[in-house]
Amino acid sequence: MNKNFYERERVKRNSGFTLIELLVVISIIGFLATASMVVFNSVRIKARNAARNRDMTQLMKAFRLASDNAGGTIPETSGAWVCVSASCSGAWSTVAANATIDSFIAPYIKKPADPPDPTRGYGGYIVYNPTDYGRGSGTYINWLLERVTNVPGVCGPGFFWSETANYTECLAKVE
């Protein structure tokens, strides 16, 4: 009986994983986790850009509806950019909201919130209605898209304006 007990104990001790086996499994799991985070990060960036383009489309519609109801006019911004999102961040944090513009579009849209992105240094949706902007007079909306591993963002309802290593700047004219 004692012999069987010792034999079972010896088998129990030798049936576990070795340190090398555990390290190999942990390193494989770590590699897979890292690879999936890279893939998920680009998916998150694309989702934020899609949200920005969707919000931009809604802002364009709100401006058009408000303009139609105001006899085809949009309030002047006094030659300054105006923040029309919930907040403008980074270098655009100095761009202030305008109560006249806010009340103009308020019946048609809730101010969109630009998804955060620390790499752009800018954030939000801004509007400007100059007499001449190199593209003619009118009202323009400007927004930024994140780059996905050296691939520029696609501006959706607007058109490409400029580009840096971190973002694509888009501009659209409210017709």
Foldseek 3Di string as FASTA:
>chain_A
DVVVVVVVVVCVVPPDDDPVVVVVVVVVVVVVVVVVVLVVVLVVLVVLLVVVLVLVVQVLVLQVVLCVVVVNDADAPPQAKAFQAPAKDAPCNVHYHDPRNNVSSVVRDDHHDRPDDPQPRIAGKIKHADCDDVVGGAMKIKGKGFARPQHADQNRPFHWDDDDSTITMTMHGRD
